[in-house]
Amino acid sequence: MRRNGQRQVHRGGEPFEELLDDIRIVVTRKSIKNLYLRVKPPDGHVEISAPLRMPDDTIRNFVRSRRPWIDEMRNRVQVSAVSQGVEGPLPLAQKWTEERRASAKRAMSAQLETLLPRWTAVVGKTPTSISLRPMKTRWGSCTPRTGRIRLNLELADIPEQFLEYVLVHELTHLRASGHGAKFQNLMSQYLPNWRQLRGELNKYVIF
């Protein structure tokens, strides 16, 4: 949408919404650098956090480029609503049945058979244990004192590059606690595009 030949930009403040194709989008502008997208229950509308000066057309093009993922997430919302037979907000992620948990563990364990030896050699640190389990607020965590690493089973349902990023992130904590300059420098050494991967991973937050 343009006015007087210029790109339209809705400024910060109250969210604005519109119907884009057949998707209701709600955009909130914030003092951030990247654009973030979430599919929200119960109706599967799309909530977007966007930089203050990002043109509206850039946001629309981004939403359209993410259409396959959006459709998948909206389908999960609908399946959850039908299976639970209730109205109101519903969890976006699938329920953790024993079958799903076992399947996710098998998939991630197979991936880690290749990833773990490769990256422990690079980082120079080996965890004392790695546990795979559902996590509500994090993709992974590490306790440097004990060397224990925990990885979110949700990583089994998204591209392997994100499991690799989270694994490297947590292994790096065995050399640098916190997220300060040392940690960031090491991450840039191991995975030069780690910030891009982090931004892309945030789009998959479906808890």
C-alpha atoms as a PDB file:
ATOM      1  CA  MET A   1       0.000   0.000   0.000  1.00  0.00           C
ATOM      2  CA  ARG A   2       1.429   3.373  -1.022  1.00  0.00           C
ATOM      3  CA  ARG A   3       0.416   6.972  -0.632  1.00  0.00           C
ATOM      4  CA  ASN A   4       1.724   9.718  -2.878  1.00  0.00           C
ATOM      5  CA  GLY A   5       4.220   7.310  -4.389  1.00  0.00           C
ATOM      6  CA  GLN A   6       5.806   6.528  -1.021  1.00  0.00           C
ATOM      7  CA  ARG A   7       5.901   3.297   0.932  1.00  0.00           C
ATOM      8  CA  GLN A   8       3.359   3.311   3.745  1.00  0.00           C
ATOM      9  CA  VAL A   9       4.619   2.625   7.245  1.00  0.00           C
ATOM     10  CA  HIS A  10       2.309   2.300  10.218  1.00  0.00           C
ATOM     11  CA  ARG A  11       4.220   3.770  13.141  1.00  0.00           C
ATOM     12  CA  GLY A  12       4.651   2.333  16.617  1.00  0.00           C
ATOM     13  CA  GLY A  13       1.862   2.327  19.145  1.00  0.00           C
ATOM     14  CA  GLU A  14      -1.395   0.432  18.900  1.00  0.00           C
ATOM     15  CA  PRO A  15      -1.336  -2.707  16.717  1.00  0.00           C
ATOM     16  CA  PHE A  16      -3.024  -2.520  13.351  1.00  0.00           C
ATOM     17  CA  GLU A  17      -4.669  -5.424  11.599  1.00  0.00           C
ATOM     18  CA  GLU A  18      -5.868  -6.270   8.126  1.00  0.00           C
ATOM     19  CA  LEU A  19      -6.937  -9.224   6.017  1.00  0.00           C
ATOM     20  CA  LEU A  20      -4.020 -10.345   3.854  1.00  0.00           C
ATOM     21  CA  ASP A  21      -5.306 -12.764   1.229  1.00  0.00           C
ATOM     22  CA  ASP A  22      -7.376 -14.956   3.597  1.00  0.00           C
ATOM     23  CA  ILE A  23      -5.250 -14.476   6.711  1.00  0.00           C
ATOM     24  CA  ARG A  24      -5.943 -11.993   9.480  1.00  0.00           C
ATOM     25  CA  ILE A  25      -2.672 -10.374  10.483  1.00  0.00           C
ATOM     26  CA  VAL A  26      -2.042  -8.206  13.519  1.00  0.00           C
ATOM     27  CA  VAL A  27       1.102  -6.073  13.361  1.00  0.00           C
ATOM     28  CA  THR A  28       2.804  -4.390  16.297  1.00  0.00           C
ATOM     29  CA  ARG A  29       5.830  -2.162  15.698  1.00  0.00           C
ATOM     30  CA  LYS A  30       8.608  -2.261  18.246  1.00  0.00           C
ATOM     31  CA  SER A  31      12.164  -1.053  18.709  1.00  0.00           C
ATOM     32  CA  ILE A  32      13.652  -4.272  17.308  1.00  0.00           C
ATOM     33  CA  LYS A  33      15.882  -5.168  14.375  1.00  0.00           C
ATOM     34  CA  ASN A  34      14.177  -8.297  13.074  1.00  0.00           C
ATOM     35  CA  LEU A  35      10.657  -9.277  12.113  1.00  0.00           C
ATOM     36  CA  TYR A  36       8.947 -12.016  14.150  1.00  0.00           C
ATOM     37  CA  LEU A  37       5.851 -13.990  13.255  1.00  0.00           C
ATOM     38  CA  ARG A  38       3.555 -16.144  15.383  1.00  0.00           C
ATOM     39  CA  VAL A  39       0.432 -18.144  14.544  1.00  0.00           C
ATOM     40  CA  LYS A  40      -1.977 -17.785  17.449  1.00  0.00           C
ATOM     41  CA  PRO A  41      -4.883 -19.937  18.604  1.00  0.00           C
ATOM     42  CA  PRO A  42      -7.765 -20.341  18.641  1.00  0.00           C
ATOM     43  CA  ASP A  43      -8.460 -18.923  15.152  1.00  0.00           C
ATOM     44  CA  GLY A  44      -4.981 -19.187  13.616  1.00  0.00           C
ATOM     45  CA  HIS A  45      -4.494 -15.472  13.067  1.00  0.00           C
ATOM     46  CA  VAL A  46      -0.943 -14.216  12.557  1.00  0.00           C
ATOM     47  CA  GLU A  47       0.697 -11.839  15.035  1.00  0.00           C
ATOM     48  CA  ILE A  48       3.752  -9.958  13.836  1.00  0.00           C
ATOM     49  CA  SER A  49       6.336  -7.885  15.661  1.00  0.00           C
ATOM     50  CA  ALA A  50       8.104  -5.588  13.204  1.00  0.00           C
ATOM     51  CA  PRO A  51      10.810  -2.913  13.335  1.00  0.00           C
ATOM     52  CA  LEU A  52       9.485   0.620  13.669  1.00  0.00           C
ATOM     53  CA  ARG A  53      10.434   1.782  10.173  1.00  0.00           C
ATOM     54  CA  MET A  54       9.845  -1.395   8.174  1.00  0.00           C
ATOM     55  CA  PRO A  55       7.492  -0.691   5.222  1.00  0.00           C
ATOM     56  CA  ASP A  56       4.101  -2.382   5.285  1.00  0.00           C
ATOM     57  CA  ASP A  57       4.744  -4.041   1.924  1.00  0.00           C
ATOM     58  CA  THR A  58       7.885  -5.669   3.297  1.00  0.00           C
ATOM     59  CA  ILE A  59       5.812  -7.193   6.088  1.00  0.00           C
ATOM     60  CA  ARG A  60       3.151  -8.424   3.661  1.00  0.00           C
ATOM     61  CA  ASN A  61       5.763  -9.993   1.381  1.00  0.00           C
ATOM     62  CA  PHE A  62       7.327 -11.722   4.357  1.00  0.00           C
ATOM     63  CA  VAL A  63       3.989 -13.174   5.445  1.00  0.00           C
ATOM     64  CA  ARG A  64       3.343 -14.456   1.913  1.00  0.00           C
ATOM     65  CA  SER A  65       6.813 -16.030   1.785  1.00  0.00           C
ATOM     66  CA  ARG A  66       6.024 -17.900   5.001  1.00  0.00           C
ATOM     67  CA  ARG A  67       2.632 -19.125   3.763  1.00  0.00           C
ATOM     68  CA  PRO A  68       3.456 -22.875   3.727  1.00  0.00           C
ATOM     69  CA  TRP A  69       4.619 -22.753   7.359  1.00  0.00           C
ATOM     70  CA  ILE A  70       1.652 -20.582   8.372  1.00  0.00           C
ATOM     71  CA  ASP A  71      -0.777 -23.057   6.792  1.00  0.00           C
ATOM     72  CA  GLU A  72       0.869 -25.927   8.665  1.00  0.00           C
ATOM     73  CA  MET A  73       0.620 -24.114  11.986  1.00  0.00           C
ATOM     74  CA  ARG A  74      -2.992 -23.065  11.357  1.00  0.00           C
ATOM     75  CA  ASN A  75      -3.846 -26.676  10.610  1.00  0.00           C
ATOM     76  CA  ARG A  76      -2.393 -27.673  13.983  1.00  0.00           C
ATOM     77  CA  VAL A  77      -4.651 -25.151  15.672  1.00  0.00           C
ATOM     78  CA  GLN A  78      -7.694 -26.554  13.908  1.00  0.00           C
ATOM     79  CA  VAL A  79      -6.750 -30.156  14.679  1.00  0.00           C
ATOM     80  CA  SER A  80      -6.293 -29.269  18.349  1.00  0.00           C
ATOM     81  CA  ALA A  81      -9.679 -27.568  18.462  1.00  0.00           C
ATOM     82  CA  VAL A  82     -11.449 -30.530  16.873  1.00  0.00           C
ATOM     83  CA  SER A  83      -9.685 -33.134  19.007  1.00  0.00           C
ATOM     84  CA  GLN A  84     -10.320 -31.315  22.264  1.00  0.00           C
ATOM     85  CA  GLY A  85     -13.851 -30.225  21.442  1.00  0.00           C
ATOM     86  CA  VAL A  86     -13.574 -26.943  23.339  1.00  0.00           C
ATOM     87  CA  GLU A  87     -13.532 -23.274  22.554  1.00  0.00           C
ATOM     88  CA  GLY A  88     -10.965 -20.700  23.609  1.00  0.00           C
ATOM     89  CA  PRO A  89      -7.154 -20.553  23.507  1.00  0.00           C
ATOM     90  CA  LEU A  90      -5.459 -23.869  22.794  1.00  0.00           C
ATOM     91  CA  PRO A  91      -1.815 -24.921  22.789  1.00  0.00           C
ATOM     92  CA  LEU A  92      -0.343 -24.555  19.333  1.00  0.00           C
ATOM     93  CA  ALA A  93       2.080 -27.445  19.670  1.00  0.00           C
ATOM     94  CA  GLN A  94       0.803 -30.988  19.329  1.00  0.00           C
ATOM     95  CA  LYS A  95       0.144 -32.915  22.507  1.00  0.00           C
ATOM     96  CA  TRP A  96       3.041 -35.037  23.759  1.00  0.00           C
ATOM     97  CA  THR A  97       1.774 -38.578  23.490  1.00  0.00           C
ATOM     98  CA  GLU A  98       4.127 -41.444  24.319  1.00  0.00           C
ATOM     99  CA  GLU A  99       4.238 -42.314  20.626  1.00  0.00           C
ATOM    100  CA  ARG A 100       5.157 -38.795  19.584  1.00  0.00           C
ATOM    101  CA  ARG A 101       7.769 -38.509  22.333  1.00  0.00           C
ATOM    102  CA  ALA A 102       9.414 -41.789  21.291  1.00  0.00           C
ATOM    103  CA  SER A 103       9.378 -40.803  17.618  1.00  0.00           C
ATOM    104  CA  ALA A 104      10.950 -37.399  18.353  1.00  0.00           C
ATOM    105  CA  LYS A 105      13.659 -38.982  20.498  1.00  0.00           C
ATOM    106  CA  ARG A 106      14.535 -41.464  17.759  1.00  0.00           C
ATOM    107  CA  ALA A 107      14.773 -38.721  15.154  1.00  0.00           C
ATOM    108  CA  MET A 108      16.913 -36.416  17.282  1.00  0.00           C
ATOM    109  CA  SER A 109      19.149 -39.216  18.528  1.00  0.00           C
ATOM    110  CA  ALA A 110      19.871 -40.208  14.936  1.00  0.00           C
ATOM    111  CA  GLN A 111      20.777 -36.619  14.067  1.00  0.00           C
ATOM    112  CA  LEU A 112      22.968 -36.254  17.163  1.00  0.00           C
ATOM    113  CA  GLU A 113      24.982 -39.343  16.219  1.00  0.00           C
ATOM    114  CA  THR A 114      26.489 -37.208  13.468  1.00  0.00           C
ATOM    115  CA  LEU A 115      26.277 -33.740  14.976  1.00  0.00           C
ATOM    116  CA  LEU A 116      27.675 -34.427  18.440  1.00  0.00           C
ATOM    117  CA  PRO A 117      31.085 -35.885  17.482  1.00  0.00           C
ATOM    118  CA  ARG A 118      31.559 -33.169  14.875  1.00  0.00           C
ATOM    119  CA  TRP A 119      30.896 -30.285  17.223  1.00  0.00           C
ATOM    120  CA  THR A 120      32.534 -31.612  20.365  1.00  0.00           C
ATOM    121  CA  ALA A 121      35.717 -31.827  18.283  1.00  0.00           C
ATOM    122  CA  VAL A 122      35.300 -28.217  17.158  1.00  0.00           C
ATOM    123  CA  VAL A 123      34.304 -26.759  20.529  1.00  0.00           C
ATOM    124  CA  GLY A 124      36.730 -28.901  22.468  1.00  0.00           C
ATOM    125  CA  LYS A 125      34.181 -29.771  25.150  1.00  0.00           C
ATOM    126  CA  THR A 126      32.048 -32.868  25.697  1.00  0.00           C
ATOM    127  CA  PRO A 127      28.857 -32.818  27.786  1.00  0.00           C
ATOM    128  CA  THR A 128      28.505 -35.294  30.608  1.00  0.00           C
ATOM    129  CA  SER A 129      24.982 -36.032  29.420  1.00  0.00           C
ATOM    130  CA  ILE A 130      22.382 -34.875  26.894  1.00  0.00           C
ATOM    131  CA  SER A 131      18.710 -35.304  27.730  1.00  0.00           C
ATOM    132  CA  LEU A 132      15.897 -34.924  25.217  1.00  0.00           C
ATOM    133  CA  ARG A 133      12.543 -33.778  26.572  1.00  0.00           C
ATOM    134  CA  PRO A 134       9.678 -31.334  25.953  1.00  0.00           C
ATOM    135  CA  MET A 135      10.462 -27.856  27.255  1.00  0.00           C
ATOM    136  CA  LYS A 136       7.935 -25.046  27.587  1.00  0.00           C
ATOM    137  CA  THR A 137      10.132 -21.955  27.373  1.00  0.00           C
ATOM    138  CA  ARG A 138      13.507 -22.906  25.887  1.00  0.00           C
ATOM    139  CA  TRP A 139      14.972 -24.716  22.916  1.00  0.00           C
ATOM    140  CA  GLY A 140      17.844 -25.928  25.062  1.00  0.00           C
ATOM    141  CA  SER A 141      19.708 -25.363  28.294  1.00  0.00           C
ATOM    142  CA  CYS A 142      23.110 -26.114  29.791  1.00  0.00           C
ATOM    143  CA  THR A 143      24.531 -26.391  33.287  1.00  0.00           C
ATOM    144  CA  PRO A 144      28.258 -25.666  32.856  1.00  0.00           C
ATOM    145  CA  ARG A 145      29.072 -26.794  36.405  1.00  0.00           C
ATOM    146  CA  THR A 146      27.837 -30.322  35.764  1.00  0.00           C
ATOM    147  CA  GLY A 147      28.277 -30.423  31.984  1.00  0.00           C
ATOM    148  CA  ARG A 148      24.648 -31.412  31.458  1.00  0.00           C
ATOM    149  CA  ILE A 149      22.790 -30.305  28.317  1.00  0.00           C
ATOM    150  CA  ARG A 150      19.037 -30.514  27.715  1.00  0.00           C
ATOM    151  CA  LEU A 151      17.450 -30.208  24.263  1.00  0.00           C
ATOM    152  CA  ASN A 152      13.799 -29.550  23.446  1.00  0.00           C
ATOM    153  CA  LEU A 153      12.064 -32.408  21.632  1.00  0.00           C
ATOM    154  CA  GLU A 154      10.242 -29.817  19.490  1.00  0.00           C
ATOM    155  CA  LEU A 155      13.512 -29.580  17.533  1.00  0.00           C
ATOM    156  CA  ALA A 156      12.608 -32.902  15.935  1.00  0.00           C
ATOM    157  CA  ASP A 157       9.787 -31.229  13.989  1.00  0.00           C
ATOM    158  CA  ILE A 158      11.763 -28.429  12.335  1.00  0.00           C
ATOM    159  CA  PRO A 159      14.782 -28.370   9.960  1.00  0.00           C
ATOM    160  CA  GLU A 160      17.948 -30.018  11.309  1.00  0.00           C
ATOM    161  CA  GLN A 161      19.947 -26.798  10.992  1.00  0.00           C
ATOM    162  CA  PHE A 162      18.169 -25.541  14.114  1.00  0.00           C
ATOM    163  CA  LEU A 163      19.069 -28.605  16.181  1.00  0.00           C
ATOM    164  CA  GLU A 164      22.649 -28.021  15.099  1.00  0.00           C
ATOM    165  CA  TYR A 165      22.488 -24.349  16.125  1.00  0.00           C
ATOM    166  CA  VAL A 166      20.999 -25.136  19.558  1.00  0.00           C
ATOM    167  CA  LEU A 167      23.555 -27.904  20.141  1.00  0.00           C
ATOM    168  CA  VAL A 168      26.456 -25.589  19.298  1.00  0.00           C
ATOM    169  CA  HIS A 169      24.911 -22.870  21.471  1.00  0.00           C
ATOM    170  CA  GLU A 170      24.727 -25.170  24.499  1.00  0.00           C
ATOM    171  CA  LEU A 171      28.163 -26.712  23.903  1.00  0.00           C
ATOM    172  CA  THR A 172      29.616 -23.213  23.786  1.00  0.00           C
ATOM    173  CA  HIS A 173      28.231 -22.595  27.262  1.00  0.00           C
ATOM    174  CA  LEU A 174      30.646 -25.278  28.465  1.00  0.00           C
ATOM    175  CA  ARG A 175      33.372 -22.793  27.552  1.00  0.00           C
ATOM    176  CA  ALA A 176      31.579 -19.524  28.300  1.00  0.00           C
ATOM    177  CA  SER A 177      28.699 -19.104  30.732  1.00  0.00           C
ATOM    178  CA  GLY A 178      26.227 -16.336  29.984  1.00  0.00           C
ATOM    179  CA  HIS A 179      25.822 -14.587  26.632  1.00  0.00           C
ATOM    180  CA  GLY A 180      28.537 -11.969  26.885  1.00  0.00           C
ATOM    181  CA  ALA A 181      31.353 -11.029  24.517  1.00  0.00           C
ATOM    182  CA  LYS A 182      33.290 -14.275  25.002  1.00  0.00           C
ATOM    183  CA  PHE A 183      30.249 -16.385  24.204  1.00  0.00           C
ATOM    184  CA  GLN A 184      29.348 -14.292  21.153  1.00  0.00           C
ATOM    185  CA  ASN A 185      32.890 -14.354  19.809  1.00  0.00           C
ATOM    186  CA  LEU A 186      33.060 -18.129  20.146  1.00  0.00           C
ATOM    187  CA  MET A 187      29.697 -18.563  18.441  1.00  0.00           C
ATOM    188  CA  SER A 188      30.828 -16.337  15.572  1.00  0.00           C
ATOM    189  CA  GLN A 189      33.930 -18.484  15.268  1.00  0.00           C
ATOM    190  CA  TYR A 190      31.975 -21.745  15.189  1.00  0.00           C
ATOM    191  CA  LEU A 191      28.851 -20.630  13.301  1.00  0.00           C
ATOM    192  CA  PRO A 192      29.346 -17.293  11.519  1.00  0.00           C
ATOM    193  CA  ASN A 193      25.602 -17.150  10.679  1.00  0.00           C
ATOM    194  CA  TRP A 194      24.416 -17.999  14.200  1.00  0.00           C
ATOM    195  CA  ARG A 195      22.514 -14.739  14.623  1.00  0.00           C
ATOM    196  CA  GLN A 196      20.561 -15.391  11.429  1.00  0.00           C
ATOM    197  CA  LEU A 197      19.785 -18.935  12.605  1.00  0.00           C
ATOM    198  CA  ARG A 198      18.638 -17.583  15.964  1.00  0.00           C
ATOM    199  CA  GLY A 199      16.272 -15.147  14.253  1.00  0.00           C
ATOM    200  CA  GLU A 200      14.849 -17.856  12.001  1.00  0.00           C
ATOM    201  CA  LEU A 201      14.436 -20.248  14.922  1.00  0.00           C
ATOM    202  CA  ASN A 202      12.406 -17.651  16.829  1.00  0.00           C
ATOM    203  CA  LYS A 203       9.786 -17.814  14.083  1.00  0.00           C
ATOM    204  CA  TYR A 204       9.126 -21.407  15.086  1.00  0.00           C
ATOM    205  CA  VAL A 205       8.198 -20.630  18.681  1.00  0.00           C
ATOM    206  CA  ILE A 206       4.961 -22.587  18.967  1.00  0.00           C
ATOM    207  CA  PHE A 207       4.610 -23.225  22.691  1.00  0.00           C
END
